[in-house]
Amino acid sequence: MVDSIKMSKDNSLKTRKKTTREVNYSLVPPFPKEILIDISSLCNHSCNFCSNVKMRNKSHASDDMVYKALDEAKNEGSEAVGLYATGEPFLNKNLEEFIRYAKKIGYQYVFVTTNGAAVTQKRIAQAIENGLDSIKFSIHGGTPETYEKIHGKNDLERVIKNLKYVDEYRKINNKKIKIFVSMVETYANTNEIGLLKKTVEKYIDEWDLKKMFNSCGTMPENNLIGEIEENNIRGRSHHDTCFQPFGSFTITPEGFVSGCVLDYHKALIVGDFNKHSLKEIWESKVYQDWRQRHLNKKTLGSICYNCIHNKNEPYDSLIPGTLEMPIEKK
């Protein structure tokens, strides 16, 4: 599970490490234990490294689609669900109810990632009471000036206040929710990593520092604001096989199934949940062909090639007609 906890014996803050995934690299792997449902692709921030700013069509997921996805995935054996992907989950007013329902039908682990600025303390409390297992705050500046430069909004004080409230609430009410902070390192904030960590460390369980990268192959300009070593994106050698086609998927607000959490522009749509079941899509020829390309290391022509190799080559969608070309940043 992605968001498992690694604490030291003295309960001191640990640097976040991804759990080793047990990935079955076959053409039809077992149905994923963990899925993501993108309940909103809208975002109240405009982080300068994030491909959300280039998305053409943004929306909330319908309630019926979310409940249907939760039911089907659970029936197929999923145990964990993230209620986010490309946008800000708290912009969907029904997030807390989705959390409640997921826990009710037996999901062991329900988690979200948020910028922490669009949420009220009342909603935080309700999400925790409804069973939210972990919350990750994305914070990319240690000072208000740098935070605003990266996020596009001066919300650092509000976000830190909300983060502290989660910690206070869990202690007072004896809740087990875990708190993480994620920071993407860029040239603008590299000197503030220690400052932010010091600000939040006594309130959180894990610290997750990420290196800047060419987000799903659609942000080549990130080379200008963050250091990327060619063929070593996010510390992953280009010789490795990406786990995404084999271990998880994301359901978009419109009801498409994408093979990658970073597919902001529908280049990796593998099926339409409005027309087919999740199991049918998982076992489909489109999905199998995509996995075969990764196993053969022949991803050129897909957005995966740009992501893995930090390139800006032309690409097309897996299913003709689904691609929404990124809006060019001004």
C-alpha atoms as a PDB file:
ATOM      1  CA  MET A   1       0.000   0.000   0.000  1.00  0.00           C
ATOM      2  CA  VAL A   2       1.421   3.380  -0.986  1.00  0.00           C
ATOM      3  CA  ASP A   3       0.610   5.260   2.191  1.00  0.00           C
ATOM      4  CA  SER A   4       1.798   2.843   4.864  1.00  0.00           C
ATOM      5  CA  ILE A   5       3.601   4.262   7.875  1.00  0.00           C
ATOM      6  CA  LYS A   6       7.252   3.851   8.769  1.00  0.00           C
ATOM      7  CA  MET A   7       7.976   5.198  12.255  1.00  0.00           C
ATOM      8  CA  SER A   8      11.117   4.843  14.333  1.00  0.00           C
ATOM      9  CA  LYS A   9      10.999   3.118  17.706  1.00  0.00           C
ATOM     10  CA  ASP A  10      11.052   6.486  19.490  1.00  0.00           C
ATOM     11  CA  ASN A  11       8.195   7.790  17.295  1.00  0.00           C
ATOM     12  CA  SER A  12      10.392  10.496  15.761  1.00  0.00           C
ATOM     13  CA  LEU A  13       9.553  11.863  12.324  1.00  0.00           C
ATOM     14  CA  LYS A  14      10.632   9.613   9.488  1.00  0.00           C
ATOM     15  CA  THR A  15      11.386  10.546   5.924  1.00  0.00           C
ATOM     16  CA  ARG A  16       8.677   9.021   3.807  1.00  0.00           C
ATOM     17  CA  LYS A  17       9.592   5.898   1.883  1.00  0.00           C
ATOM     18  CA  LYS A  18       7.399   4.118  -0.603  1.00  0.00           C
ATOM     19  CA  THR A  19       6.467   0.629   0.372  1.00  0.00           C
ATOM     20  CA  THR A  20       7.875  -2.028  -1.903  1.00  0.00           C
ATOM     21  CA  ARG A  21       5.087  -2.917  -4.284  1.00  0.00           C
ATOM     22  CA  GLU A  22       4.312  -6.512  -5.016  1.00  0.00           C
ATOM     23  CA  VAL A  23       3.702  -6.029  -8.713  1.00  0.00           C
ATOM     24  CA  ASN A  24       2.770  -8.834 -11.057  1.00  0.00           C
ATOM     25  CA  TYR A  25       4.355  -7.887 -14.390  1.00  0.00           C
ATOM     26  CA  SER A  26       2.064  -9.967 -16.557  1.00  0.00           C
ATOM     27  CA  LEU A  27      -0.326  -9.014 -19.328  1.00  0.00           C
ATOM     28  CA  VAL A  28      -3.325  -9.574 -17.046  1.00  0.00           C
ATOM     29  CA  PRO A  29      -2.234  -9.041 -13.420  1.00  0.00           C
ATOM     30  CA  PRO A  30      -4.601  -9.609 -10.490  1.00  0.00           C
ATOM     31  CA  PHE A  31      -7.110  -6.797  -9.985  1.00  0.00           C
ATOM     32  CA  PRO A  32      -5.461  -3.908  -8.079  1.00  0.00           C
ATOM     33  CA  LYS A  33      -5.598  -3.823  -4.297  1.00  0.00           C
ATOM     34  CA  GLU A  34      -5.453  -0.031  -4.488  1.00  0.00           C
ATOM     35  CA  ILE A  35      -7.257   2.342  -6.846  1.00  0.00           C
ATOM     36  CA  LEU A  36      -7.731   6.081  -7.209  1.00  0.00           C
ATOM     37  CA  ILE A  37     -11.013   7.853  -7.915  1.00  0.00           C
ATOM     38  CA  ASP A  38     -10.494  11.435  -9.060  1.00  0.00           C
ATOM     39  CA  ILE A  39     -13.513  13.059  -7.437  1.00  0.00           C
ATOM     40  CA  SER A  40     -12.540  16.507  -8.741  1.00  0.00           C
ATOM     41  CA  SER A  41     -10.084  17.738 -11.351  1.00  0.00           C
ATOM     42  CA  LEU A  42     -10.727  21.329 -10.313  1.00  0.00           C
ATOM     43  CA  CYS A  43      -8.033  22.996  -8.243  1.00  0.00           C
ATOM     44  CA  ASN A  44      -7.939  26.220  -6.242  1.00  0.00           C
ATOM     45  CA  HIS A  45      -4.169  26.536  -6.721  1.00  0.00           C
ATOM     46  CA  SER A  46      -1.997  26.779  -9.826  1.00  0.00           C
ATOM     47  CA  CYS A  47       1.328  25.240  -8.839  1.00  0.00           C
ATOM     48  CA  ASN A  48       3.904  26.072 -11.468  1.00  0.00           C
ATOM     49  CA  PHE A  49       5.231  22.513 -11.734  1.00  0.00           C
ATOM     50  CA  CYS A  50       1.843  20.777 -11.963  1.00  0.00           C
ATOM     51  CA  SER A  51       0.170  19.770 -15.207  1.00  0.00           C
ATOM     52  CA  ASN A  52      -3.269  20.596 -13.777  1.00  0.00           C
ATOM     53  CA  VAL A  53      -2.708  24.149 -15.031  1.00  0.00           C
ATOM     54  CA  LYS A  54      -2.704  22.762 -18.587  1.00  0.00           C
ATOM     55  CA  MET A  55      -5.914  20.724 -18.320  1.00  0.00           C
ATOM     56  CA  ARG A  56      -8.635  21.737 -20.770  1.00  0.00           C
ATOM     57  CA  ASN A  57     -11.721  20.211 -19.175  1.00  0.00           C
ATOM     58  CA  LYS A  58     -12.193  20.089 -15.410  1.00  0.00           C
ATOM     59  CA  SER A  59     -15.151  18.810 -13.430  1.00  0.00           C
ATOM     60  CA  HIS A  60     -16.418  17.030 -10.342  1.00  0.00           C
ATOM     61  CA  ALA A  61     -17.228  13.331 -10.486  1.00  0.00           C
ATOM     62  CA  SER A  62     -20.897  12.451 -10.188  1.00  0.00           C
ATOM     63  CA  ASP A  63     -22.009  10.839  -6.938  1.00  0.00           C
ATOM     64  CA  ASP A  64     -23.453   7.848  -8.787  1.00  0.00           C
ATOM     65  CA  MET A  65     -20.179   7.179 -10.582  1.00  0.00           C
ATOM     66  CA  VAL A  66     -18.139   7.343  -7.370  1.00  0.00           C
ATOM     67  CA  TYR A  67     -20.429   4.954  -5.494  1.00  0.00           C
ATOM     68  CA  LYS A  68     -20.531   2.568  -8.449  1.00  0.00           C
ATOM     69  CA  ALA A  69     -16.717   2.588  -8.688  1.00  0.00           C
ATOM     70  CA  LEU A  70     -16.324   2.000  -4.956  1.00  0.00           C
ATOM     71  CA  ASP A  71     -18.740  -0.936  -5.104  1.00  0.00           C
ATOM     72  CA  GLU A  72     -17.225  -2.601  -8.177  1.00  0.00           C
ATOM     73  CA  ALA A  73     -13.607  -2.235  -7.087  1.00  0.00           C
ATOM     74  CA  LYS A  74     -14.397  -3.567  -3.619  1.00  0.00           C
ATOM     75  CA  ASN A  75     -16.217  -6.559  -5.100  1.00  0.00           C
ATOM     76  CA  GLU A  76     -13.129  -7.296  -7.224  1.00  0.00           C
ATOM     77  CA  GLY A  77     -10.842  -7.256  -4.188  1.00  0.00           C
ATOM     78  CA  SER A  78      -9.586  -3.678  -3.791  1.00  0.00           C
ATOM     79  CA  GLU A  79      -8.711  -2.806  -0.206  1.00  0.00           C
ATOM     80  CA  ALA A  80      -7.512   0.786  -0.463  1.00  0.00           C
ATOM     81  CA  VAL A  81      -8.849   3.842  -2.271  1.00  0.00           C
ATOM     82  CA  GLY A  82      -7.502   7.333  -2.777  1.00  0.00           C
ATOM     83  CA  LEU A  83     -10.200   9.929  -3.417  1.00  0.00           C
ATOM     84  CA  TYR A  84      -8.061  12.316  -5.437  1.00  0.00           C
ATOM     85  CA  ALA A  85      -5.728  12.453  -8.436  1.00  0.00           C
ATOM     86  CA  THR A  86      -5.430  15.526 -10.658  1.00  0.00           C
ATOM     87  CA  GLY A  87      -7.287  18.145  -8.583  1.00  0.00           C
ATOM     88  CA  GLU A  88      -8.247  19.251  -5.076  1.00  0.00           C
ATOM     89  CA  PRO A  89     -10.574  16.688  -3.435  1.00  0.00           C
ATOM     90  CA  PHE A  90     -12.068  19.098  -0.887  1.00  0.00           C
ATOM     91  CA  LEU A  91     -13.581  21.124  -3.726  1.00  0.00           C
ATOM     92  CA  ASN A  92     -16.057  18.250  -4.046  1.00  0.00           C
ATOM     93  CA  LYS A  93     -18.602  18.918  -1.307  1.00  0.00           C
ATOM     94  CA  ASN A  94     -19.406  15.206  -0.985  1.00  0.00           C
ATOM     95  CA  LEU A  95     -15.875  14.014  -0.142  1.00  0.00           C
ATOM     96  CA  GLU A  96     -16.779  13.247   3.472  1.00  0.00           C
ATOM     97  CA  GLU A  97     -19.742  11.131   2.405  1.00  0.00           C
ATOM     98  CA  PHE A  98     -17.575   9.180  -0.049  1.00  0.00           C
ATOM     99  CA  ILE A  99     -15.158   8.461   2.809  1.00  0.00           C
ATOM    100  CA  ARG A 100     -18.008   7.252   5.024  1.00  0.00           C
ATOM    101  CA  TYR A 101     -19.370   4.973   2.317  1.00  0.00           C
ATOM    102  CA  ALA A 102     -15.963   3.503   1.465  1.00  0.00           C
ATOM    103  CA  LYS A 103     -15.353   2.573   5.083  1.00  0.00           C
ATOM    104  CA  LYS A 104     -18.895   1.239   5.422  1.00  0.00           C
ATOM    105  CA  ILE A 105     -18.455  -1.269   2.587  1.00  0.00           C
ATOM    106  CA  GLY A 106     -15.141  -2.485   3.917  1.00  0.00           C
ATOM    107  CA  TYR A 107     -12.207  -0.524   2.489  1.00  0.00           C
ATOM    108  CA  GLN A 108      -9.305  -0.925   4.880  1.00  0.00           C
ATOM    109  CA  TYR A 109      -7.554   2.273   3.888  1.00  0.00           C
ATOM    110  CA  VAL A 110      -9.009   5.538   2.557  1.00  0.00           C
ATOM    111  CA  PHE A 111      -6.682   8.449   1.845  1.00  0.00           C
ATOM    112  CA  VAL A 112      -6.485  11.882   0.218  1.00  0.00           C
ATOM    113  CA  THR A 113      -3.856  14.377  -0.872  1.00  0.00           C
ATOM    114  CA  THR A 114      -4.795  18.048  -0.523  1.00  0.00           C
ATOM    115  CA  ASN A 115      -3.237  21.485  -0.689  1.00  0.00           C
ATOM    116  CA  GLY A 116      -5.074  22.134   2.564  1.00  0.00           C
ATOM    117  CA  ALA A 117      -6.349  25.577   1.595  1.00  0.00           C
ATOM    118  CA  ALA A 118      -9.886  24.780   0.417  1.00  0.00           C
ATOM    119  CA  VAL A 119     -10.996  22.949   3.549  1.00  0.00           C
ATOM    120  CA  THR A 120     -12.596  24.170   6.764  1.00  0.00           C
ATOM    121  CA  GLN A 121     -11.939  22.739  10.203  1.00  0.00           C
ATOM    122  CA  LYS A 122     -15.537  21.520  10.296  1.00  0.00           C
ATOM    123  CA  ARG A 123     -14.984  19.468   7.153  1.00  0.00           C
ATOM    124  CA  ILE A 124     -11.660  18.149   8.440  1.00  0.00           C
ATOM    125  CA  ALA A 125     -13.380  16.920  11.590  1.00  0.00           C
ATOM    126  CA  GLN A 126     -16.168  15.272   9.587  1.00  0.00           C
ATOM    127  CA  ALA A 127     -13.702  13.527   7.276  1.00  0.00           C
ATOM    128  CA  ILE A 128     -11.838  12.126  10.274  1.00  0.00           C
ATOM    129  CA  GLU A 129     -15.062  11.035  11.989  1.00  0.00           C
ATOM    130  CA  ASN A 130     -16.162   9.307   8.775  1.00  0.00           C
ATOM    131  CA  GLY A 131     -13.018   7.181   8.790  1.00  0.00           C
ATOM    132  CA  LEU A 132     -10.303   8.937   6.761  1.00  0.00           C
ATOM    133  CA  ASP A 133      -7.109   6.960   7.376  1.00  0.00           C
ATOM    134  CA  SER A 134      -4.520   9.444   6.134  1.00  0.00           C
ATOM    135  CA  ILE A 135      -4.237  12.947   4.773  1.00  0.00           C
ATOM    136  CA  LYS A 136      -1.260  14.314   2.880  1.00  0.00           C
ATOM    137  CA  PHE A 137      -0.720  18.073   2.685  1.00  0.00           C
ATOM    138  CA  SER A 138       1.120  19.307  -0.421  1.00  0.00           C
ATOM    139  CA  ILE A 139       3.179  22.303   0.702  1.00  0.00           C
ATOM    140  CA  HIS A 140       5.914  23.661  -1.539  1.00  0.00           C
ATOM    141  CA  GLY A 141       7.332  26.688   0.244  1.00  0.00           C
ATOM    142  CA  GLY A 142       8.699  27.486   3.672  1.00  0.00           C
ATOM    143  CA  THR A 143       7.941  31.206   3.506  1.00  0.00           C
ATOM    144  CA  PRO A 144       4.775  32.998   2.328  1.00  0.00           C
ATOM    145  CA  GLU A 145       6.684  34.615  -0.533  1.00  0.00           C
ATOM    146  CA  THR A 146       8.045  31.375  -1.974  1.00  0.00           C
ATOM    147  CA  TYR A 147       4.799  29.528  -1.309  1.00  0.00           C
ATOM    148  CA  GLU A 148       2.848  32.113  -3.320  1.00  0.00           C
ATOM    149  CA  LYS A 149       5.428  32.047  -6.122  1.00  0.00           C
ATOM    150  CA  ILE A 150       4.927  28.295  -6.533  1.00  0.00           C
ATOM    151  CA  HIS A 151       1.260  27.784  -5.571  1.00  0.00           C
ATOM    152  CA  GLY A 152      -0.087  30.992  -7.076  1.00  0.00           C
ATOM    153  CA  LYS A 153      -1.882  31.798  -3.789  1.00  0.00           C
ATOM    154  CA  ASN A 154      -0.709  33.148  -0.449  1.00  0.00           C
ATOM    155  CA  ASP A 155      -2.331  30.422   1.657  1.00  0.00           C
ATOM    156  CA  LEU A 156       0.624  29.124   3.675  1.00  0.00           C
ATOM    157  CA  GLU A 157      -0.651  30.399   7.030  1.00  0.00           C
ATOM    158  CA  ARG A 158      -4.107  28.904   6.454  1.00  0.00           C
ATOM    159  CA  VAL A 159      -2.653  25.547   5.393  1.00  0.00           C
ATOM    160  CA  ILE A 160      -0.344  25.262   8.411  1.00  0.00           C
ATOM    161  CA  LYS A 161      -3.277  26.142  10.668  1.00  0.00           C
ATOM    162  CA  ASN A 162      -5.383  23.366   9.112  1.00  0.00           C
ATOM    163  CA  LEU A 163      -2.536  20.872   9.387  1.00  0.00           C
ATOM    164  CA  LYS A 164      -2.122  21.667  13.091  1.00  0.00           C
ATOM    165  CA  TYR A 165      -5.858  21.269  13.557  1.00  0.00           C
ATOM    166  CA  VAL A 166      -5.783  17.702  12.187  1.00  0.00           C
ATOM    167  CA  ASP A 167      -3.066  16.830  14.699  1.00  0.00           C
ATOM    168  CA  GLU A 168      -4.928  18.529  17.546  1.00  0.00           C
ATOM    169  CA  TYR A 169      -8.213  16.849  16.636  1.00  0.00           C
ATOM    170  CA  ARG A 170      -6.743  13.356  16.452  1.00  0.00           C
ATOM    171  CA  LYS A 171      -5.054  13.740  19.835  1.00  0.00           C
ATOM    172  CA  ILE A 172      -8.109  15.126  21.620  1.00  0.00           C
ATOM    173  CA  ASN A 173     -10.456  12.552  20.083  1.00  0.00           C
ATOM    174  CA  ASN A 174      -8.050   9.593  20.058  1.00  0.00           C
ATOM    175  CA  LYS A 175      -8.172   9.126  16.279  1.00  0.00           C
ATOM    176  CA  LYS A 176      -5.602   7.127  14.339  1.00  0.00           C
ATOM    177  CA  ILE A 177      -5.492   9.229  11.180  1.00  0.00           C
ATOM    178  CA  LYS A 178      -1.961   9.721   9.861  1.00  0.00           C
ATOM    179  CA  ILE A 179      -0.638  13.063   8.615  1.00  0.00           C
ATOM    180  CA  PHE A 180       1.939  13.423   5.850  1.00  0.00           C
ATOM    181  CA  VAL A 181       3.508  16.463   4.216  1.00  0.00           C
ATOM    182  CA  SER A 182       4.741  16.362   0.637  1.00  0.00           C
ATOM    183  CA  MET A 183       7.100  18.963  -0.822  1.00  0.00           C
ATOM    184  CA  VAL A 184       8.299  19.141  -4.420  1.00  0.00           C
ATOM    185  CA  GLU A 185      11.800  20.572  -4.574  1.00  0.00           C
ATOM    186  CA  THR A 186      12.438  23.306  -7.150  1.00  0.00           C
ATOM    187  CA  TYR A 187      15.144  25.904  -7.542  1.00  0.00           C
ATOM    188  CA  ALA A 188      12.806  28.394  -5.839  1.00  0.00           C
ATOM    189  CA  ASN A 189      12.350  26.437  -2.614  1.00  0.00           C
ATOM    190  CA  THR A 190      15.465  24.291  -2.273  1.00  0.00           C
ATOM    191  CA  ASN A 191      16.825  26.576   0.466  1.00  0.00           C
ATOM    192  CA  GLU A 192      13.557  26.335   2.417  1.00  0.00           C
ATOM    193  CA  ILE A 193      13.306  22.568   2.756  1.00  0.00           C
ATOM    194  CA  GLY A 194      14.728  22.615   6.279  1.00  0.00           C
ATOM    195  CA  LEU A 195      12.524  25.538   7.281  1.00  0.00           C
ATOM    196  CA  LEU A 196       9.297  23.865   6.194  1.00  0.00           C
ATOM    197  CA  LYS A 197      10.295  20.560   7.740  1.00  0.00           C
ATOM    198  CA  LYS A 198      11.016  22.280  11.054  1.00  0.00           C
ATOM    199  CA  THR A 199       7.663  24.088  10.885  1.00  0.00           C
ATOM    200  CA  VAL A 200       5.603  20.916  10.468  1.00  0.00           C
ATOM    201  CA  GLU A 201       7.636  18.067  11.919  1.00  0.00           C
ATOM    202  CA  LYS A 202       6.070  17.929  15.382  1.00  0.00           C
ATOM    203  CA  TYR A 203       2.576  17.668  13.909  1.00  0.00           C
ATOM    204  CA  ILE A 204       3.073  14.995  11.243  1.00  0.00           C
ATOM    205  CA  ASP A 205       3.996  11.330  10.902  1.00  0.00           C
ATOM    206  CA  GLU A 206       6.071  11.427   7.738  1.00  0.00           C
ATOM    207  CA  TRP A 207       7.875  13.879   5.509  1.00  0.00           C
ATOM    208  CA  ASP A 208       7.851  13.227   1.750  1.00  0.00           C
ATOM    209  CA  LEU A 209      10.359  15.245  -0.294  1.00  0.00           C
ATOM    210  CA  LYS A 210       9.984  14.787  -4.045  1.00  0.00           C
ATOM    211  CA  LYS A 211      12.290  15.870  -6.836  1.00  0.00           C
ATOM    212  CA  MET A 212      10.953  17.943  -9.692  1.00  0.00           C
ATOM    213  CA  PHE A 213      10.144  15.904 -12.782  1.00  0.00           C
ATOM    214  CA  ASN A 214       8.475  16.087 -16.179  1.00  0.00           C
ATOM    215  CA  SER A 215       4.962  15.261 -14.955  1.00  0.00           C
ATOM    216  CA  CYS A 216       3.666  12.428 -17.127  1.00  0.00           C
ATOM    217  CA  GLY A 217       5.703  13.798 -19.998  1.00  0.00           C
ATOM    218  CA  THR A 218       3.657  17.002 -20.318  1.00  0.00           C
ATOM    219  CA  MET A 219       5.801  19.432 -18.312  1.00  0.00           C
ATOM    220  CA  PRO A 220       9.172  19.620 -20.097  1.00  0.00           C
ATOM    221  CA  GLU A 221       9.513  23.206 -18.874  1.00  0.00           C
ATOM    222  CA  ASN A 222      10.034  21.802 -15.372  1.00  0.00           C
ATOM    223  CA  ASN A 223      13.658  21.425 -16.391  1.00  0.00           C
ATOM    224  CA  LEU A 224      13.857  25.197 -16.005  1.00  0.00           C
ATOM    225  CA  ILE A 225      12.510  25.351 -12.432  1.00  0.00           C
ATOM    226  CA  GLY A 226      13.812  22.104 -11.000  1.00  0.00           C
ATOM    227  CA  GLU A 227      16.829  19.944 -11.581  1.00  0.00           C
ATOM    228  CA  ILE A 228      16.095  16.772 -13.542  1.00  0.00           C
ATOM    229  CA  GLU A 229      18.767  14.331 -14.578  1.00  0.00           C
ATOM    230  CA  GLU A 230      18.007  12.875 -17.977  1.00  0.00           C
ATOM    231  CA  ASN A 231      16.963   9.213 -17.825  1.00  0.00           C
ATOM    232  CA  ASN A 232      16.668   9.377 -14.048  1.00  0.00           C
ATOM    233  CA  ILE A 233      13.220  10.743 -13.386  1.00  0.00           C
ATOM    234  CA  ARG A 234      12.217  10.670  -9.716  1.00  0.00           C
ATOM    235  CA  GLY A 235      15.214   8.461  -9.019  1.00  0.00           C
ATOM    236  CA  ARG A 236      13.958   5.769 -11.401  1.00  0.00           C
ATOM    237  CA  SER A 237      16.282   4.394 -14.025  1.00  0.00           C
ATOM    238  CA  HIS A 238      14.879   4.285 -17.549  1.00  0.00           C
ATOM    239  CA  HIS A 239      15.806   0.596 -17.543  1.00  0.00           C
ATOM    240  CA  ASP A 240      13.099  -0.124 -14.959  1.00  0.00           C
ATOM    241  CA  THR A 241       9.572  -1.098 -15.953  1.00  0.00           C
ATOM    242  CA  CYS A 242       6.939   1.327 -14.671  1.00  0.00           C
ATOM    243  CA  PHE A 243       4.549  -0.315 -12.208  1.00  0.00           C
ATOM    244  CA  GLN A 244       1.529   1.807 -13.183  1.00  0.00           C
ATOM    245  CA  PRO A 245       0.181  -0.404 -16.015  1.00  0.00           C
ATOM    246  CA  PHE A 246       0.349  -3.438 -13.745  1.00  0.00           C
ATOM    247  CA  GLY A 247      -0.575  -2.264 -10.262  1.00  0.00           C
ATOM    248  CA  SER A 248      -3.287   0.390 -10.185  1.00  0.00           C
ATOM    249  CA  PHE A 249      -5.543   2.710 -12.173  1.00  0.00           C
ATOM    250  CA  THR A 250      -7.344   6.021 -11.820  1.00  0.00           C
ATOM    251  CA  ILE A 251     -10.989   6.703 -12.601  1.00  0.00           C
ATOM    252  CA  THR A 252     -11.427  10.219 -13.979  1.00  0.00           C
ATOM    253  CA  PRO A 253     -14.337  12.522 -13.025  1.00  0.00           C
ATOM    254  CA  GLU A 254     -15.955  11.768 -16.402  1.00  0.00           C
ATOM    255  CA  GLY A 255     -15.809   8.024 -15.750  1.00  0.00           C
ATOM    256  CA  PHE A 256     -12.865   7.074 -17.948  1.00  0.00           C
ATOM    257  CA  VAL A 257     -10.278   4.668 -16.602  1.00  0.00           C
ATOM    258  CA  SER A 258      -6.702   5.879 -16.954  1.00  0.00           C
ATOM    259  CA  GLY A 259      -3.697   3.680 -16.458  1.00  0.00           C
ATOM    260  CA  CYS A 260      -1.730   6.407 -14.663  1.00  0.00           C
ATOM    261  CA  VAL A 261      -2.409   8.793 -11.789  1.00  0.00           C
ATOM    262  CA  LEU A 262      -0.455  11.498 -13.645  1.00  0.00           C
ATOM    263  CA  ASP A 263      -2.508  11.294 -16.833  1.00  0.00           C
ATOM    264  CA  TYR A 264      -3.808  14.860 -16.775  1.00  0.00           C
ATOM    265  CA  HIS A 265      -4.606  14.907 -20.493  1.00  0.00           C
ATOM    266  CA  LYS A 266      -6.255  11.535 -21.106  1.00  0.00           C
ATOM    267  CA  ALA A 267      -3.366  10.125 -23.106  1.00  0.00           C
ATOM    268  CA  LEU A 268      -3.519   6.852 -21.167  1.00  0.00           C
ATOM    269  CA  ILE A 269      -7.248   6.138 -21.154  1.00  0.00           C
ATOM    270  CA  VAL A 270      -7.738   2.374 -21.308  1.00  0.00           C
ATOM    271  CA  GLY A 271     -11.512   2.182 -21.083  1.00  0.00           C
ATOM    272  CA  ASP A 272     -14.845   3.851 -20.374  1.00  0.00           C
ATOM    273  CA  PHE A 273     -16.393   2.928 -17.030  1.00  0.00           C
ATOM    274  CA  ASN A 274     -19.700   4.318 -18.287  1.00  0.00           C
ATOM    275  CA  LYS A 275     -19.835   1.445 -20.786  1.00  0.00           C
ATOM    276  CA  HIS A 276     -17.765  -1.385 -19.316  1.00  0.00           C
ATOM    277  CA  SER A 277     -17.041  -2.864 -15.907  1.00  0.00           C
ATOM    278  CA  LEU A 278     -13.724  -2.229 -14.166  1.00  0.00           C
ATOM    279  CA  LYS A 279     -12.813  -5.892 -14.515  1.00  0.00           C
ATOM    280  CA  GLU A 280     -13.531  -5.846 -18.262  1.00  0.00           C
ATOM    281  CA  ILE A 281     -11.341  -2.776 -18.671  1.00  0.00           C
ATOM    282  CA  TRP A 282      -8.531  -4.220 -16.522  1.00  0.00           C
ATOM    283  CA  GLU A 283      -8.435  -7.337 -18.701  1.00  0.00           C
ATOM    284  CA  SER A 284      -9.032  -5.561 -22.034  1.00  0.00           C
ATOM    285  CA  LYS A 285      -6.839  -5.788 -25.118  1.00  0.00           C
ATOM    286  CA  VAL A 286      -6.022  -2.067 -24.898  1.00  0.00           C
ATOM    287  CA  TYR A 287      -4.669  -2.531 -21.385  1.00  0.00           C
ATOM    288  CA  GLN A 288      -2.763  -5.687 -22.358  1.00  0.00           C
ATOM    289  CA  ASP A 289      -1.194  -4.024 -25.395  1.00  0.00           C
ATOM    290  CA  TRP A 290      -0.058  -1.088 -23.252  1.00  0.00           C
ATOM    291  CA  ARG A 291       1.500  -3.431 -20.695  1.00  0.00           C
ATOM    292  CA  GLN A 292       3.269  -5.300 -23.479  1.00  0.00           C
ATOM    293  CA  ARG A 293       4.839  -2.066 -24.724  1.00  0.00           C
ATOM    294  CA  HIS A 294       6.235  -1.447 -21.242  1.00  0.00           C
ATOM    295  CA  LEU A 295       7.532  -4.992 -20.909  1.00  0.00           C
ATOM    296  CA  ASN A 296       9.205  -4.678 -24.325  1.00  0.00           C
ATOM    297  CA  LYS A 297      10.442  -1.157 -23.474  1.00  0.00           C
ATOM    298  CA  LYS A 298       8.816   0.150 -26.657  1.00  0.00           C
ATOM    299  CA  THR A 299       6.888   3.142 -25.337  1.00  0.00           C
ATOM    300  CA  LEU A 300       7.963   5.641 -27.992  1.00  0.00           C
ATOM    301  CA  GLY A 301       4.848   7.309 -29.403  1.00  0.00           C
ATOM    302  CA  SER A 302       3.099   7.274 -26.045  1.00  0.00           C
ATOM    303  CA  ILE A 303       3.309   9.832 -23.272  1.00  0.00           C
ATOM    304  CA  CYS A 304       5.035   7.180 -21.141  1.00  0.00           C
ATOM    305  CA  TYR A 305       8.194   7.567 -23.203  1.00  0.00           C
ATOM    306  CA  ASN A 306       8.421  11.273 -22.373  1.00  0.00           C
ATOM    307  CA  CYS A 307       7.847  10.626 -18.684  1.00  0.00           C
ATOM    308  CA  ILE A 308      10.388   7.813 -18.401  1.00  0.00           C
ATOM    309  CA  HIS A 309      13.087   9.439 -20.531  1.00  0.00           C
ATOM    310  CA  ASN A 310      12.388  13.125 -19.779  1.00  0.00           C
ATOM    311  CA  LYS A 311      11.690  13.893 -23.433  1.00  0.00           C
ATOM    312  CA  ASN A 312       9.222  16.007 -25.381  1.00  0.00           C
ATOM    313  CA  GLU A 313       8.472  13.703 -28.316  1.00  0.00           C
ATOM    314  CA  PRO A 314       5.119  13.630 -30.150  1.00  0.00           C
ATOM    315  CA  TYR A 315       2.636  11.174 -28.689  1.00  0.00           C
ATOM    316  CA  ASP A 316      -0.903   9.946 -29.130  1.00  0.00           C
ATOM    317  CA  SER A 317      -3.514   8.403 -26.865  1.00  0.00           C
ATOM    318  CA  LEU A 318      -3.913   4.655 -26.338  1.00  0.00           C
ATOM    319  CA  ILE A 319      -7.513   4.924 -27.533  1.00  0.00           C
ATOM    320  CA  PRO A 320      -7.974   7.251 -30.544  1.00  0.00           C
ATOM    321  CA  GLY A 321      -9.927  10.393 -29.794  1.00  0.00           C
ATOM    322  CA  THR A 322      -9.476  10.610 -26.019  1.00  0.00           C
ATOM    323  CA  LEU A 323      -6.410  12.860 -25.924  1.00  0.00           C
ATOM    324  CA  GLU A 324      -6.907  16.437 -24.752  1.00  0.00           C
ATOM    325  CA  MET A 325      -3.728  18.271 -25.737  1.00  0.00           C
ATOM    326  CA  PRO A 326      -2.223  20.362 -22.935  1.00  0.00           C
ATOM    327  CA  ILE A 327      -2.889  24.092 -22.914  1.00  0.00           C
ATOM    328  CA  GLU A 328       0.374  25.888 -23.565  1.00  0.00           C
ATOM    329  CA  LYS A 329       1.495  27.953 -20.598  1.00  0.00           C
ATOM    330  CA  LYS A 330       1.939  31.644 -21.305  1.00  0.00           C
END
